[in-house]
Amino acid sequence: MNYLLHTDALQSIANGTPSPTLRTLIEQTPPTQLHISVLVFAEVLAAVELRKPATPALTAWLRRIPTEYPDRLIPLTAEIAVAWPNLAALAQEKGHKLSLVDGLSAATALHYDLVLVTLPTPPLSATGVRLLQNF
């Protein structure tokens, strides 16, 4: 199975605070099955950079992601962008507002047939994307 690490999962790994479930997933899943959206990567990198002083180890780890994940750092494509409004509409029909980053992450996971690793939220659940939650 292949996974897409969402913002909250990547942040907890970056901060050294992954739950036991997430830690097990990371330790037991071959690295080739773990993916990161370039959008989420940028979001986490910005959050760390803005939270000065970031530890040198954390900054170094984040900056290594493009070289450690070169074929697993997923770009935002036109196909993913086009899918997002449909997912936002699905969530809205169920009474939820889907944020841009959540929607694009869900669209990315659906496009590449990945399981989205994230904290549970009703808007994401409403999109039909496969989720690994409660980590």
C-alpha atoms as a PDB file:
ATOM      1  CA  MET A   1       0.000   0.000   0.000  1.00  0.00           C
ATOM      2  CA  ASN A   2       1.211   3.525  -0.776  1.00  0.00           C
ATOM      3  CA  TYR A   3       0.654   6.498   1.492  1.00  0.00           C
ATOM      4  CA  LEU A   4       0.483  10.282   1.172  1.00  0.00           C
ATOM      5  CA  LEU A   5       1.606  12.064   4.331  1.00  0.00           C
ATOM      6  CA  HIS A   6      -0.663  15.030   4.999  1.00  0.00           C
ATOM      7  CA  THR A   7       0.347  18.211   6.811  1.00  0.00           C
ATOM      8  CA  ASP A   8      -0.426  17.057  10.353  1.00  0.00           C
ATOM      9  CA  ALA A   9       1.406  13.743   9.859  1.00  0.00           C
ATOM     10  CA  LEU A  10       4.480  15.409   8.380  1.00  0.00           C
ATOM     11  CA  GLN A  11       4.494  18.079  11.107  1.00  0.00           C
ATOM     12  CA  SER A  12       4.342  15.496  13.874  1.00  0.00           C
ATOM     13  CA  ILE A  13       7.247  13.612  12.271  1.00  0.00           C
ATOM     14  CA  ALA A  14       9.196  16.857  11.826  1.00  0.00           C
ATOM     15  CA  ASN A  15       8.544  17.862  15.433  1.00  0.00           C
ATOM     16  CA  GLY A  16       9.563  14.453  16.729  1.00  0.00           C
ATOM     17  CA  THR A  17       6.082  13.809  18.143  1.00  0.00           C
ATOM     18  CA  PRO A  18       4.538  11.094  15.969  1.00  0.00           C
ATOM     19  CA  SER A  19       1.991   8.885  17.668  1.00  0.00           C
ATOM     20  CA  PRO A  20       2.861   5.227  18.162  1.00  0.00           C
ATOM     21  CA  THR A  21       0.616   4.360  15.185  1.00  0.00           C
ATOM     22  CA  LEU A  22       2.338   6.861  12.886  1.00  0.00           C
ATOM     23  CA  ARG A  23       5.776   5.857  14.156  1.00  0.00           C
ATOM     24  CA  THR A  24       4.966   2.200  13.369  1.00  0.00           C
ATOM     25  CA  LEU A  25       3.723   3.126   9.898  1.00  0.00           C
ATOM     26  CA  ILE A  26       6.916   5.061   9.159  1.00  0.00           C
ATOM     27  CA  GLU A  27       9.186   2.346  10.564  1.00  0.00           C
ATOM     28  CA  GLN A  28       7.423  -0.616   8.932  1.00  0.00           C
ATOM     29  CA  THR A  29       6.577   0.858   5.534  1.00  0.00           C
ATOM     30  CA  PRO A  30       9.252   0.794   2.842  1.00  0.00           C
ATOM     31  CA  PRO A  31      10.309   4.374   2.070  1.00  0.00           C
ATOM     32  CA  THR A  32       9.274   3.907  -1.561  1.00  0.00           C
ATOM     33  CA  GLN A  33       5.656   3.672  -0.365  1.00  0.00           C
ATOM     34  CA  LEU A  34       5.667   6.994   1.516  1.00  0.00           C
ATOM     35  CA  HIS A  35       4.872  10.116  -0.511  1.00  0.00           C
ATOM     36  CA  ILE A  36       4.606  13.827   0.197  1.00  0.00           C
ATOM     37  CA  SER A  37       2.768  16.460  -1.823  1.00  0.00           C
ATOM     38  CA  VAL A  38       4.979  19.384  -2.784  1.00  0.00           C
ATOM     39  CA  LEU A  39       2.167  21.623  -1.475  1.00  0.00           C
ATOM     40  CA  VAL A  40       2.259  19.992   1.978  1.00  0.00           C
ATOM     41  CA  PHE A  41       6.058  20.049   1.961  1.00  0.00           C
ATOM     42  CA  ALA A  42       6.001  23.813   1.335  1.00  0.00           C
ATOM     43  CA  GLU A  43       3.359  24.324   4.032  1.00  0.00           C
ATOM     44  CA  VAL A  44       5.371  22.460   6.680  1.00  0.00           C
ATOM     45  CA  LEU A  45       8.658  24.069   5.640  1.00  0.00           C
ATOM     46  CA  ALA A  46       7.078  27.524   5.933  1.00  0.00           C
ATOM     47  CA  ALA A  47       5.628  26.704   9.359  1.00  0.00           C
ATOM     48  CA  VAL A  48       9.031  25.574  10.608  1.00  0.00           C
ATOM     49  CA  GLU A  49      10.834  28.561   9.110  1.00  0.00           C
ATOM     50  CA  LEU A  50       8.319  30.946  10.691  1.00  0.00           C
ATOM     51  CA  ARG A  51       8.688  29.265  14.075  1.00  0.00           C
ATOM     52  CA  LYS A  52      12.103  30.666  14.791  1.00  0.00           C
ATOM     53  CA  PRO A  53      14.350  29.433  16.072  1.00  0.00           C
ATOM     54  CA  ALA A  54      13.900  26.122  14.324  1.00  0.00           C
ATOM     55  CA  THR A  55      16.366  23.501  15.422  1.00  0.00           C
ATOM     56  CA  PRO A  56      19.196  22.962  12.957  1.00  0.00           C
ATOM     57  CA  ALA A  57      18.402  19.229  12.843  1.00  0.00           C
ATOM     58  CA  LEU A  58      14.769  19.859  11.945  1.00  0.00           C
ATOM     59  CA  THR A  59      15.632  22.399   9.275  1.00  0.00           C
ATOM     60  CA  ALA A  60      18.262  20.066   7.831  1.00  0.00           C
ATOM     61  CA  TRP A  61      15.794  17.140   7.769  1.00  0.00           C
ATOM     62  CA  LEU A  62      13.174  19.188   5.945  1.00  0.00           C
ATOM     63  CA  ARG A  63      15.680  20.500   3.444  1.00  0.00           C
ATOM     64  CA  ARG A  64      16.784  16.909   2.694  1.00  0.00           C
ATOM     65  CA  ILE A  65      13.262  15.845   1.706  1.00  0.00           C
ATOM     66  CA  PRO A  66      13.638  16.877  -1.976  1.00  0.00           C
ATOM     67  CA  THR A  67      16.765  14.740  -2.300  1.00  0.00           C
ATOM     68  CA  GLU A  68      15.512  11.860  -0.137  1.00  0.00           C
ATOM     69  CA  TYR A  69      12.064  11.807  -1.750  1.00  0.00           C
ATOM     70  CA  PRO A  70      12.858  12.884  -5.335  1.00  0.00           C
ATOM     71  CA  ASP A  71      10.422  10.478  -6.962  1.00  0.00           C
ATOM     72  CA  ARG A  72       8.021  10.559  -4.030  1.00  0.00           C
ATOM     73  CA  LEU A  73       7.589  14.339  -3.750  1.00  0.00           C
ATOM     74  CA  ILE A  74       4.398  14.718  -5.758  1.00  0.00           C
ATOM     75  CA  PRO A  75       3.850  17.903  -7.778  1.00  0.00           C
ATOM     76  CA  LEU A  76       0.584  19.746  -8.069  1.00  0.00           C
ATOM     77  CA  THR A  77      -0.704  19.049 -11.584  1.00  0.00           C
ATOM     78  CA  ALA A  78      -3.538  20.401 -13.680  1.00  0.00           C
ATOM     79  CA  GLU A  79      -5.414  17.087 -13.265  1.00  0.00           C
ATOM     80  CA  ILE A  80      -5.223  17.391  -9.480  1.00  0.00           C
ATOM     81  CA  ALA A  81      -6.306  21.035  -9.597  1.00  0.00           C
ATOM     82  CA  VAL A  82      -9.291  20.157 -11.786  1.00  0.00           C
ATOM     83  CA  ALA A  83     -10.389  17.398  -9.368  1.00  0.00           C
ATOM     84  CA  TRP A  84     -10.375  19.667  -6.314  1.00  0.00           C
ATOM     85  CA  PRO A  85     -13.647  21.566  -7.001  1.00  0.00           C
ATOM     86  CA  ASN A  86     -15.512  18.271  -7.363  1.00  0.00           C
ATOM     87  CA  LEU A  87     -14.244  17.147  -3.968  1.00  0.00           C
ATOM     88  CA  ALA A  88     -15.157  20.504  -2.445  1.00  0.00           C
ATOM     89  CA  ALA A  89     -18.676  20.070  -3.858  1.00  0.00           C
ATOM     90  CA  LEU A  90     -18.937  16.568  -2.366  1.00  0.00           C
ATOM     91  CA  ALA A  91     -17.937  17.878   1.037  1.00  0.00           C
ATOM     92  CA  GLN A  92     -20.316  20.828   0.729  1.00  0.00           C
ATOM     93  CA  GLU A  93     -23.213  18.499  -0.128  1.00  0.00           C
ATOM     94  CA  LYS A  94     -22.530  16.786   3.196  1.00  0.00           C
ATOM     95  CA  GLY A  95     -22.408  20.093   5.056  1.00  0.00           C
ATOM     96  CA  HIS A  96     -18.630  20.516   5.252  1.00  0.00           C
ATOM     97  CA  LYS A  97     -16.201  23.106   3.934  1.00  0.00           C
ATOM     98  CA  LEU A  98     -13.065  21.581   2.429  1.00  0.00           C
ATOM     99  CA  SER A  99      -9.951  23.746   2.696  1.00  0.00           C
ATOM    100  CA  LEU A 100      -7.745  24.248  -0.345  1.00  0.00           C
ATOM    101  CA  VAL A 101      -4.811  22.251   1.065  1.00  0.00           C
ATOM    102  CA  ASP A 102      -7.063  19.436   2.316  1.00  0.00           C
ATOM    103  CA  GLY A 103      -8.884  19.324  -1.005  1.00  0.00           C
ATOM    104  CA  LEU A 104      -5.727  19.283  -3.086  1.00  0.00           C
ATOM    105  CA  SER A 105      -4.247  16.609  -0.823  1.00  0.00           C
ATOM    106  CA  ALA A 106      -7.373  14.474  -1.209  1.00  0.00           C
ATOM    107  CA  ALA A 107      -7.304  15.007  -4.978  1.00  0.00           C
ATOM    108  CA  THR A 108      -3.623  14.011  -5.046  1.00  0.00           C
ATOM    109  CA  ALA A 109      -4.304  10.841  -3.060  1.00  0.00           C
ATOM    110  CA  LEU A 110      -7.189   9.905  -5.339  1.00  0.00           C
ATOM    111  CA  HIS A 111      -5.231  10.673  -8.514  1.00  0.00           C
ATOM    112  CA  TYR A 112      -2.286   8.493  -7.485  1.00  0.00           C
ATOM    113  CA  ASP A 113      -4.347   5.858  -5.588  1.00  0.00           C
ATOM    114  CA  LEU A 114      -2.700   6.671  -2.262  1.00  0.00           C
ATOM    115  CA  VAL A 115      -3.994   6.404   1.304  1.00  0.00           C
ATOM    116  CA  LEU A 116      -4.008   9.876   2.897  1.00  0.00           C
ATOM    117  CA  VAL A 117      -2.387   9.784   6.357  1.00  0.00           C
ATOM    118  CA  THR A 118      -4.056  12.510   8.393  1.00  0.00           C
ATOM    119  CA  LEU A 119      -6.006  13.379  11.494  1.00  0.00           C
ATOM    120  CA  PRO A 120      -9.718  12.723  11.044  1.00  0.00           C
ATOM    121  CA  THR A 121     -11.823  15.579   9.742  1.00  0.00           C
ATOM    122  CA  PRO A 122     -15.396  15.391   8.438  1.00  0.00           C
ATOM    123  CA  PRO A 123     -14.569  17.370   5.267  1.00  0.00           C
ATOM    124  CA  LEU A 124     -11.848  14.903   4.234  1.00  0.00           C
ATOM    125  CA  SER A 125     -14.040  11.932   5.099  1.00  0.00           C
ATOM    126  CA  ALA A 126     -16.730  13.372   2.836  1.00  0.00           C
ATOM    127  CA  THR A 127     -14.445  13.256  -0.243  1.00  0.00           C
ATOM    128  CA  GLY A 128     -14.304   9.477  -0.518  1.00  0.00           C
ATOM    129  CA  VAL A 129     -10.506   9.413  -0.311  1.00  0.00           C
ATOM    130  CA  ARG A 130      -9.019   6.440   1.558  1.00  0.00           C
ATOM    131  CA  LEU A 131      -7.796   7.696   4.923  1.00  0.00           C
ATOM    132  CA  LEU A 132      -5.475   6.372   7.584  1.00  0.00           C
ATOM    133  CA  GLN A 133      -6.659   8.346  10.564  1.00  0.00           C
ATOM    134  CA  ASN A 134      -6.422   8.392  14.330  1.00  0.00           C
ATOM    135  CA  PHE A 135      -2.665   8.322  14.419  1.00  0.00           C
END
